[in-house]
Amino acid sequence: MQEQAGLLADFRTFFERAPGLYLVLAPDLTIVAVSDAYARAMMTTRAGLVGRALFDVLPDDPAAEAASALRQSLERVRALKRPDAVAAQKYAAPRPITAGGGFEERYWRALNAPVLDGNGELLWIIHQVEDVTELMSLRADLAERDALLESQQNMMEQLRAAQHALARHTDELTIRRNENEQRAAQRAAAEKTTAMSTLAGGLAQDFNSLLGVVIGNLDLLRQRAAGEAGEAGAPDLLAEAMAAALRGTELAQQLLAFAQRRKLQPARLDINELVSELAGRLGRELGDGIEISLDLASELWPVMMDRAQLEGSLAGIVANAREAMSAGGRLIIGTRNVHLDADYVGEHPEMKAGDYAIIEVSDTGSGMPQEVVSRIFEPFFTTKEPGRGSGLGLSMAQGFLAQSGGHIEVASELGIGTTIRLYLPRLAAGAKKSEVISVASAAKGGRETVLVVEDDAAMRRIVRRQLYELGYQVLEAEHATTALRLLETERVDLLFTDIVTPGSIDGMALARTAAARWPALRILLTSGFPQTRLDEREQINGFRFLAKPYRRDDLARVLREMLGAAGSAPPMPPIATERPRASQNG
């Protein structure tokens, strides 16, 4: 008997300390045994569960479907005396008062198994629960990502359709030309460029908002997947998806540069150093059949350019050269100084007199006929097969250089090769070298509270998760009216609001009102529109601005710059006791 009692005690200890979530129920559904893991999941103790009816201790969940599904499963076990599974259900698990009270949304699935005596009568029901909250969240996030990627593809199809419609419109203009063919052609081109600039700017706004959700989701999914057992290959797949999304971001920025609506970030550049680094990277991608060589001038003049845009333009030019040398060949990248005088500019009115540093890219490829050269800078013009090129590369490079005060020209002979020259304005003597800002890994937050105002539910969810993971307390509002009510009743360190929000008060009006009423409040604005476009409309007015799409590290860095070092947040603004006046549209 003592041995049996010892075995029974050991079994109870094993059952109670098992890692799974288990209950043992009497036939009348009274709880007779509880595992430690189940008690922890319910945020209570064994004493608070044993002896009570199951449905008396389950959370008071508004979703009655979950309780109903469990009740039906247990009834089937009692009637049929065989195991029965319950699909994943949403529950609101109660939080202890010490943790703030309320409920926490979780997803559980269950298996109910009967224990019968020697006569086949029901003695007990073992109720096993598995928490699948993270799995359900991951599935939802992946489904959302797939929907967003499909939306991007649809946008590109719309862009191509707009291109064809615009081409038809240009053809109609050509048919109606009656005089001065040359002037009627620089006017059609101007109309086409204006139309494409407007189209590109509008598409980039929507594209940026979508990419903000994609990048935020992938950032979070990559961190979760990296720590999950049994998910071999998932980090690599997510890394590839992230790279594709970031390429989409680069495309949006190039579209904005083409539309001359992106605010460039010029810095003093050593062109020879940039070309050498770029050649080293691109040389590995050209293949064994293509030889690359450099012819760099000594004492090359410095320039002030946007490095990312310049590198992107050169990478596109080299990619075109590789296409033209499918059978192999030689690629030469050279640099030199040149002065363009008044006589030269008189014959080339598109240029301005002055000093330039030139980057010259020459290939020994197939070359182009003059009818192709004459159209090479037209938006969406390409000689490549469908799906292999957008036809935007050189037109974007031309737009970027024009915005930077430079120029691009092409010379090509069929069967001999092509040379492309980039004219970069010389940096004026005595100009200060731009400061290089070293950005360390973004610090996490401390005790600060951030109020997020975003009408897009998916984007708001991403921002909330990013801020939670950075250690901030988060409040949310769908529009400005709700945000003002929260500012009146809650302590908030920083207001993070989209400029374009629904309702009678937009994000900009909210920012102005909040700044006037709570001077200590930090305010950060965001939008899918580029800052230069907002500056033109005088909407920024000195507030900090973070353009969509942004990475989590970008958001963390800006927040720490505004709030100070982690753990040393400024005093919180006082809570207002008065309602907004009618003059504040509140």
Foldseek 3Di string as FASTA:
>chain_A
DVVVVVVVVVVLVCQQAPCFWKFKAFLQQATAHTHVNNCVQLPHDRVVRHRHHPVVSFDPFPPCVVVVQVVVQSVCCQVVVAKDKFPKDWGFRWHDVVVVTDTDIWIKIWMWHFDADPVRHTGIIMITIDTCRVVVVLVVLVVLLVVLVVVVVVLVVVVVVVVVVLVVVLVVQQVPDDDDNVVSVVVSLVVQLQVLLVVLQVSLQVLLVSLLLNLLSLVVVLVVLVPDPPNPPPNVVSVVSNVVSVVSVVVSQLSNLLSVQADADWFKDDVVVLVVVLCVVCVVVLDPQEAEDEAEDPPFFIFIARSVLVSLLVVVVVVVLSVQPVVGWYKYKYKDKDFDDPVNCVVVVVADGGIWIKIKIKIQGQWDDVVCQVCLLPFQDDPDDPPPDRSHSNVSSQSRQVSQRWHKHKDTDGNGIIMIMTTGHGDDPPDDGDDDDDDDFFQAAAEAEEEEEDQDPSSQVSVVVLNVVSPYHYHYHPALVVVLVCLQPDFHQEYEYEQAGDDPAGPLLSVVVCCVVFVRHAYEYERSRHPSVCVVVVRCVPHHYDYGPDHSRVVSNVVCVRQDHHPDGDDTTDRHDDDDDVVSVD
